[in-house]
Amino acid sequence: MKLIGSYTSPFVRKISVILLEKGITFEFVNDQPYSEDNGVAQYNPLGKVPALVTGEGECWFNSPIIADYIELLDIAPAMLPQDAKAALKLRQLEALADGIMDAALVSVREQARPPQQQSETELLRQREKINRGLDAFEVLVAEGTLKVSDLNLATVAVACAIGYLNFRRVAPGWCVDRPNLVALVENLFQRESFARTEPPKA
């Protein structure tokens, strides 16, 4: 099994963590989707990571799809509950975390533009998305919908999103007034799967 992606992508990290937690052996192919000579498009026509190539030669792309495929292998620990509606609710929370990642990625790309070409309006829109998403997760942990000890698709996704915020220094004050969310992600960051998938230091 091969995982194609970039060490800096939070979506790739999400899949890496899941594979490591399940003890699934895989080869990591480090390919930068934004480099001119990248080979990502041969796995995903959109040229986006992650992509997963199975031992049988099947190719899966888009991190939620890949996560679903991995669950179909029925290897513990389960990242989704058996109940279909409960699983759908966790997938929605995964989508919320993925939305935080998307907003952070847009912010990073915007800030990479020359200062005179940057849109403060766009940056503000993305910061608001990130803050609303983090506020929602703070409430979910506070009310017990997500528990600090949980290891599932939603908690892995939000921890990867926050790891990316920290890595790119997007929303540097995200932890202020969100003690429950801090406790959840700090618990996950102590796991070997997260330690092994930290993005490279700039």
C-alpha atoms as a PDB file:
ATOM      1  CA  MET A   1       0.000   0.000   0.000  1.00  0.00           C
ATOM      2  CA  LYS A   2       1.293   3.469  -0.930  1.00  0.00           C
ATOM      3  CA  LEU A   3       0.222   6.828   0.461  1.00  0.00           C
ATOM      4  CA  ILE A   4       1.043   9.695  -1.876  1.00  0.00           C
ATOM      5  CA  GLY A   5       1.200  13.126  -0.359  1.00  0.00           C
ATOM      6  CA  SER A   6       3.153  15.900   1.289  1.00  0.00           C
ATOM      7  CA  TYR A   7       4.408  15.829   4.871  1.00  0.00           C
ATOM      8  CA  THR A   8       2.994  19.332   5.320  1.00  0.00           C
ATOM      9  CA  SER A   9      -0.605  18.508   4.332  1.00  0.00           C
ATOM     10  CA  PRO A  10      -3.069  18.091   7.234  1.00  0.00           C
ATOM     11  CA  PHE A  11      -5.264  15.897   5.009  1.00  0.00           C
ATOM     12  CA  VAL A  12      -2.346  13.567   4.369  1.00  0.00           C
ATOM     13  CA  ARG A  13      -1.488  13.566   8.056  1.00  0.00           C
ATOM     14  CA  LYS A  14      -5.039  12.490   8.896  1.00  0.00           C
ATOM     15  CA  ILE A  15      -4.714   9.401   6.700  1.00  0.00           C
ATOM     16  CA  SER A  16      -1.185   8.666   7.954  1.00  0.00           C
ATOM     17  CA  VAL A  17      -2.395   8.752  11.563  1.00  0.00           C
ATOM     18  CA  ILE A  18      -5.287   6.397  10.813  1.00  0.00           C
ATOM     19  CA  LEU A  19      -3.007   3.913   9.038  1.00  0.00           C
ATOM     20  CA  LEU A  20      -0.490   4.024  11.890  1.00  0.00           C
ATOM     21  CA  GLU A  21      -3.161   3.603  14.562  1.00  0.00           C
ATOM     22  CA  LYS A  22      -4.463   0.529  12.759  1.00  0.00           C
ATOM     23  CA  GLY A  23      -0.973  -0.882  12.290  1.00  0.00           C
ATOM     24  CA  ILE A  24      -1.336  -0.963   8.497  1.00  0.00           C
ATOM     25  CA  THR A  25       2.018  -1.084   6.724  1.00  0.00           C
ATOM     26  CA  PHE A  26       2.364   1.482   3.961  1.00  0.00           C
ATOM     27  CA  GLU A  27       4.993   3.200   1.871  1.00  0.00           C
ATOM     28  CA  PHE A  28       4.920   6.981   2.000  1.00  0.00           C
ATOM     29  CA  VAL A  29       5.620   8.699  -1.329  1.00  0.00           C
ATOM     30  CA  ASN A  30       6.453  12.327  -0.607  1.00  0.00           C
ATOM     31  CA  ASP A  31       5.140  14.299  -3.586  1.00  0.00           C
ATOM     32  CA  GLN A  32       4.476  18.033  -3.510  1.00  0.00           C
ATOM     33  CA  PRO A  33       1.223  18.809  -5.370  1.00  0.00           C
ATOM     34  CA  TYR A  34       2.313  22.382  -6.128  1.00  0.00           C
ATOM     35  CA  SER A  35       5.702  21.555  -7.641  1.00  0.00           C
ATOM     36  CA  GLU A  36       5.946  21.643 -11.433  1.00  0.00           C
ATOM     37  CA  ASP A  37       7.319  18.112 -11.728  1.00  0.00           C
ATOM     38  CA  ASN A  38       4.916  16.441  -9.312  1.00  0.00           C
ATOM     39  CA  GLY A  39       3.371  13.087 -10.193  1.00  0.00           C
ATOM     40  CA  VAL A  40       0.208  13.467  -8.136  1.00  0.00           C
ATOM     41  CA  ALA A  41      -2.070  13.810 -11.185  1.00  0.00           C
ATOM     42  CA  GLN A  42      -1.404  10.210 -12.206  1.00  0.00           C
ATOM     43  CA  TYR A  43      -3.182   9.149  -9.020  1.00  0.00           C
ATOM     44  CA  ASN A  44      -5.762  11.938  -8.763  1.00  0.00           C
ATOM     45  CA  PRO A  45      -6.815  13.862 -11.908  1.00  0.00           C
ATOM     46  CA  LEU A  46      -7.304  16.940  -9.711  1.00  0.00           C
ATOM     47  CA  GLY A  47      -3.652  16.830  -8.704  1.00  0.00           C
ATOM     48  CA  LYS A  48      -4.505  16.932  -5.000  1.00  0.00           C
ATOM     49  CA  VAL A  49      -3.222  14.845  -2.094  1.00  0.00           C
ATOM     50  CA  PRO A  50      -3.635  12.453  -0.410  1.00  0.00           C
ATOM     51  CA  ALA A  51      -3.974   9.490  -2.746  1.00  0.00           C
ATOM     52  CA  LEU A  52      -3.814   5.859  -1.651  1.00  0.00           C
ATOM     53  CA  VAL A  53      -2.746   2.987  -3.905  1.00  0.00           C
ATOM     54  CA  THR A  54      -3.675  -0.455  -2.606  1.00  0.00           C
ATOM     55  CA  GLY A  55      -1.725  -3.671  -3.029  1.00  0.00           C
ATOM     56  CA  GLU A  56      -4.232  -4.652  -5.722  1.00  0.00           C
ATOM     57  CA  GLY A  57      -3.503  -1.467  -7.647  1.00  0.00           C
ATOM     58  CA  GLU A  58      -6.733   0.343  -6.749  1.00  0.00           C
ATOM     59  CA  CYS A  59      -6.311   4.090  -6.355  1.00  0.00           C
ATOM     60  CA  TRP A  60      -8.360   6.146  -3.919  1.00  0.00           C
ATOM     61  CA  PHE A  61      -8.237   9.905  -3.469  1.00  0.00           C
ATOM     62  CA  ASN A  62      -9.855  12.569  -1.266  1.00  0.00           C
ATOM     63  CA  SER A  63      -9.170  12.041   2.424  1.00  0.00           C
ATOM     64  CA  PRO A  64     -12.771  11.257   3.533  1.00  0.00           C
ATOM     65  CA  ILE A  65     -13.043   8.633   0.777  1.00  0.00           C
ATOM     66  CA  ILE A  66      -9.693   7.133   1.750  1.00  0.00           C
ATOM     67  CA  ALA A  67     -10.737   7.068   5.405  1.00  0.00           C
ATOM     68  CA  ASP A  68     -13.936   5.237   4.432  1.00  0.00           C
ATOM     69  CA  TYR A  69     -11.951   2.718   2.389  1.00  0.00           C
ATOM     70  CA  ILE A  70      -9.626   2.046   5.312  1.00  0.00           C
ATOM     71  CA  GLU A  71     -12.633   1.412   7.571  1.00  0.00           C
ATOM     72  CA  LEU A  72     -13.899  -1.165   5.063  1.00  0.00           C
ATOM     73  CA  LEU A  73     -10.764  -3.203   5.801  1.00  0.00           C
ATOM     74  CA  ASP A  74     -12.279  -3.824   9.264  1.00  0.00           C
ATOM     75  CA  ILE A  75      -9.012  -3.403  11.140  1.00  0.00           C
ATOM     76  CA  ALA A  76      -9.094  -2.208  14.762  1.00  0.00           C
ATOM     77  CA  PRO A  77      -9.324   0.316  16.205  1.00  0.00           C
ATOM     78  CA  ALA A  78     -12.528   1.402  14.473  1.00  0.00           C
ATOM     79  CA  MET A  79     -12.601   5.084  13.591  1.00  0.00           C
ATOM     80  CA  LEU A  80     -16.377   5.083  13.099  1.00  0.00           C
ATOM     81  CA  PRO A  81     -19.192   3.460  15.085  1.00  0.00           C
ATOM     82  CA  GLN A  82     -21.211   0.597  13.601  1.00  0.00           C
ATOM     83  CA  ASP A  83     -24.491   2.518  13.771  1.00  0.00           C
ATOM     84  CA  ALA A  84     -25.012   4.245  10.412  1.00  0.00           C
ATOM     85  CA  LYS A  85     -26.448   7.503  11.764  1.00  0.00           C
ATOM     86  CA  ALA A  86     -23.822   7.794  14.510  1.00  0.00           C
ATOM     87  CA  ALA A  87     -21.155   7.217  11.848  1.00  0.00           C
ATOM     88  CA  LEU A  88     -22.712   9.914   9.654  1.00  0.00           C
ATOM     89  CA  LYS A  89     -22.598  12.377  12.562  1.00  0.00           C
ATOM     90  CA  LEU A  90     -18.877  11.722  13.016  1.00  0.00           C
ATOM     91  CA  ARG A  91     -18.324  12.153   9.283  1.00  0.00           C
ATOM     92  CA  GLN A  92     -20.019  15.539   9.522  1.00  0.00           C
ATOM     93  CA  LEU A  93     -17.582  16.508  12.271  1.00  0.00           C
ATOM     94  CA  GLU A  94     -14.747  15.286  10.062  1.00  0.00           C
ATOM     95  CA  ALA A  95     -16.120  17.621   7.366  1.00  0.00           C
ATOM     96  CA  LEU A  96     -16.098  20.486   9.878  1.00  0.00           C
ATOM     97  CA  ALA A  97     -12.454  19.797  10.737  1.00  0.00           C
ATOM     98  CA  ASP A  98     -11.619  19.499   7.042  1.00  0.00           C
ATOM     99  CA  GLY A  99     -13.265  22.889   6.525  1.00  0.00           C
ATOM    100  CA  ILE A 100     -10.928  24.390   9.125  1.00  0.00           C
ATOM    101  CA  MET A 101      -8.009  22.867   7.211  1.00  0.00           C
ATOM    102  CA  ASP A 102      -9.309  24.315   3.929  1.00  0.00           C
ATOM    103  CA  ALA A 103      -9.670  27.787   5.453  1.00  0.00           C
ATOM    104  CA  ALA A 104      -6.153  27.587   6.876  1.00  0.00           C
ATOM    105  CA  LEU A 105      -4.753  26.509   3.489  1.00  0.00           C
ATOM    106  CA  VAL A 106      -6.480  29.439   1.758  1.00  0.00           C
ATOM    107  CA  SER A 107      -5.033  31.791   4.403  1.00  0.00           C
ATOM    108  CA  VAL A 108      -1.518  30.430   3.881  1.00  0.00           C
ATOM    109  CA  ARG A 109      -1.765  30.833   0.101  1.00  0.00           C
ATOM    110  CA  GLU A 110      -3.148  34.362   0.452  1.00  0.00           C
ATOM    111  CA  GLN A 111      -0.347  35.373   2.820  1.00  0.00           C
ATOM    112  CA  ALA A 112       2.213  33.971   0.373  1.00  0.00           C
ATOM    113  CA  ARG A 113       1.165  36.593  -2.189  1.00  0.00           C
ATOM    114  CA  PRO A 114       3.038  39.927  -2.350  1.00  0.00           C
ATOM    115  CA  PRO A 115       1.740  42.169   0.477  1.00  0.00           C
ATOM    116  CA  GLN A 116       0.151  44.665  -1.909  1.00  0.00           C
ATOM    117  CA  GLN A 117      -1.841  41.878  -3.561  1.00  0.00           C
ATOM    118  CA  GLN A 118      -3.166  40.288  -0.371  1.00  0.00           C
ATOM    119  CA  SER A 119      -6.852  40.662   0.441  1.00  0.00           C
ATOM    120  CA  GLU A 120      -7.518  41.481   4.088  1.00  0.00           C
ATOM    121  CA  THR A 121     -11.194  40.785   3.421  1.00  0.00           C
ATOM    122  CA  GLU A 122     -10.361  37.241   2.284  1.00  0.00           C
ATOM    123  CA  LEU A 123      -8.063  36.647   5.236  1.00  0.00           C
ATOM    124  CA  LEU A 124     -10.778  37.840   7.619  1.00  0.00           C
ATOM    125  CA  ARG A 125     -13.344  35.518   6.017  1.00  0.00           C
ATOM    126  CA  GLN A 126     -11.044  32.545   6.514  1.00  0.00           C
ATOM    127  CA  ARG A 127     -10.214  33.526  10.124  1.00  0.00           C
ATOM    128  CA  GLU A 128     -13.930  33.714  10.883  1.00  0.00           C
ATOM    129  CA  LYS A 129     -14.479  30.239   9.421  1.00  0.00           C
ATOM    130  CA  ILE A 130     -11.634  28.846  11.506  1.00  0.00           C
ATOM    131  CA  ASN A 131     -12.868  30.492  14.700  1.00  0.00           C
ATOM    132  CA  ARG A 132     -16.459  29.329  14.219  1.00  0.00           C
ATOM    133  CA  GLY A 133     -15.261  25.799  13.554  1.00  0.00           C
ATOM    134  CA  LEU A 134     -13.025  25.758  16.630  1.00  0.00           C
ATOM    135  CA  ASP A 135     -15.831  27.231  18.759  1.00  0.00           C
ATOM    136  CA  ALA A 136     -18.116  24.425  17.603  1.00  0.00           C
ATOM    137  CA  PHE A 137     -15.555  21.789  18.590  1.00  0.00           C
ATOM    138  CA  GLU A 138     -15.043  23.437  21.982  1.00  0.00           C
ATOM    139  CA  VAL A 139     -18.769  23.075  22.638  1.00  0.00           C
ATOM    140  CA  LEU A 140     -18.822  19.475  21.400  1.00  0.00           C
ATOM    141  CA  VAL A 141     -16.073  18.498  23.836  1.00  0.00           C
ATOM    142  CA  ALA A 142     -17.574  20.530  26.689  1.00  0.00           C
ATOM    143  CA  GLU A 143     -20.968  18.854  26.299  1.00  0.00           C
ATOM    144  CA  GLY A 144     -19.458  15.372  25.980  1.00  0.00           C
ATOM    145  CA  THR A 145     -20.358  14.687  22.343  1.00  0.00           C
ATOM    146  CA  LEU A 146     -16.612  14.278  21.845  1.00  0.00           C
ATOM    147  CA  LYS A 147     -14.554  13.096  24.807  1.00  0.00           C
ATOM    148  CA  VAL A 148     -10.943  13.971  25.531  1.00  0.00           C
ATOM    149  CA  SER A 149     -10.097  10.257  25.453  1.00  0.00           C
ATOM    150  CA  ASP A 150     -11.809   9.653  22.079  1.00  0.00           C
ATOM    151  CA  LEU A 151      -9.832   8.302  19.151  1.00  0.00           C
ATOM    152  CA  ASN A 152     -12.070   8.442  16.103  1.00  0.00           C
ATOM    153  CA  LEU A 153     -12.314  10.025  12.673  1.00  0.00           C
ATOM    154  CA  ALA A 154     -13.562  13.358  14.034  1.00  0.00           C
ATOM    155  CA  THR A 155     -10.972  13.759  16.792  1.00  0.00           C
ATOM    156  CA  VAL A 156      -8.114  12.730  14.494  1.00  0.00           C
ATOM    157  CA  ALA A 157      -9.297  15.253  11.894  1.00  0.00           C
ATOM    158  CA  VAL A 158      -9.603  18.164  14.316  1.00  0.00           C
ATOM    159  CA  ALA A 159      -6.212  17.393  15.855  1.00  0.00           C
ATOM    160  CA  CYS A 160      -4.660  17.407  12.368  1.00  0.00           C
ATOM    161  CA  ALA A 161      -6.396  20.706  11.633  1.00  0.00           C
ATOM    162  CA  ILE A 162      -5.015  22.292  14.792  1.00  0.00           C
ATOM    163  CA  GLY A 163      -1.600  20.796  14.132  1.00  0.00           C
ATOM    164  CA  TYR A 164      -1.660  22.610  10.793  1.00  0.00           C
ATOM    165  CA  LEU A 165      -2.753  25.883  12.429  1.00  0.00           C
ATOM    166  CA  ASN A 166       0.224  25.575  14.763  1.00  0.00           C
ATOM    167  CA  PHE A 167       2.620  24.607  11.960  1.00  0.00           C
ATOM    168  CA  ARG A 168       1.656  27.517   9.694  1.00  0.00           C
ATOM    169  CA  ARG A 169       1.023  29.946  12.562  1.00  0.00           C
ATOM    170  CA  VAL A 170      -2.510  30.549  11.396  1.00  0.00           C
ATOM    171  CA  ALA A 171      -4.873  31.741  14.171  1.00  0.00           C
ATOM    172  CA  PRO A 172      -2.041  31.800  16.754  1.00  0.00           C
ATOM    173  CA  GLY A 173      -4.435  32.540  19.634  1.00  0.00           C
ATOM    174  CA  TRP A 174      -6.778  29.638  18.862  1.00  0.00           C
ATOM    175  CA  CYS A 175      -6.279  28.041  22.295  1.00  0.00           C
ATOM    176  CA  VAL A 176      -7.538  31.081  24.237  1.00  0.00           C
ATOM    177  CA  ASP A 177     -10.863  30.304  25.949  1.00  0.00           C
ATOM    178  CA  ARG A 178     -10.997  26.795  24.456  1.00  0.00           C
ATOM    179  CA  PRO A 179      -9.676  24.641  27.334  1.00  0.00           C
ATOM    180  CA  ASN A 180     -11.680  21.546  26.412  1.00  0.00           C
ATOM    181  CA  LEU A 181     -10.423  21.530  22.842  1.00  0.00           C
ATOM    182  CA  VAL A 182      -6.862  22.088  24.087  1.00  0.00           C
ATOM    183  CA  ALA A 183      -7.179  19.050  26.369  1.00  0.00           C
ATOM    184  CA  LEU A 184      -8.495  16.886  23.531  1.00  0.00           C
ATOM    185  CA  VAL A 185      -5.750  17.710  21.048  1.00  0.00           C
ATOM    186  CA  GLU A 186      -2.948  17.628  23.622  1.00  0.00           C
ATOM    187  CA  ASN A 187      -4.034  14.097  24.524  1.00  0.00           C
ATOM    188  CA  LEU A 188      -3.887  13.067  20.859  1.00  0.00           C
ATOM    189  CA  PHE A 189      -0.564  14.820  20.209  1.00  0.00           C
ATOM    190  CA  GLN A 190       1.020  12.515  22.815  1.00  0.00           C
ATOM    191  CA  ARG A 191       0.227   9.453  20.702  1.00  0.00           C
ATOM    192  CA  GLU A 192       3.021   7.884  18.667  1.00  0.00           C
ATOM    193  CA  SER A 193       0.984   8.245  15.459  1.00  0.00           C
ATOM    194  CA  PHE A 194       0.949  12.034  15.845  1.00  0.00           C
ATOM    195  CA  ALA A 195       4.588  12.237  16.918  1.00  0.00           C
ATOM    196  CA  ARG A 196       5.628  10.297  13.794  1.00  0.00           C
ATOM    197  CA  THR A 197       3.594  12.513  11.448  1.00  0.00           C
ATOM    198  CA  GLU A 198       4.624  15.964  12.620  1.00  0.00           C
ATOM    199  CA  PRO A 199       5.313  18.230   9.635  1.00  0.00           C
ATOM    200  CA  PRO A 200       8.968  19.132   9.100  1.00  0.00           C
ATOM    201  CA  LYS A 201      10.251  22.183  10.891  1.00  0.00           C
ATOM    202  CA  ALA A 202      10.589  25.149   8.567  1.00  0.00           C
END
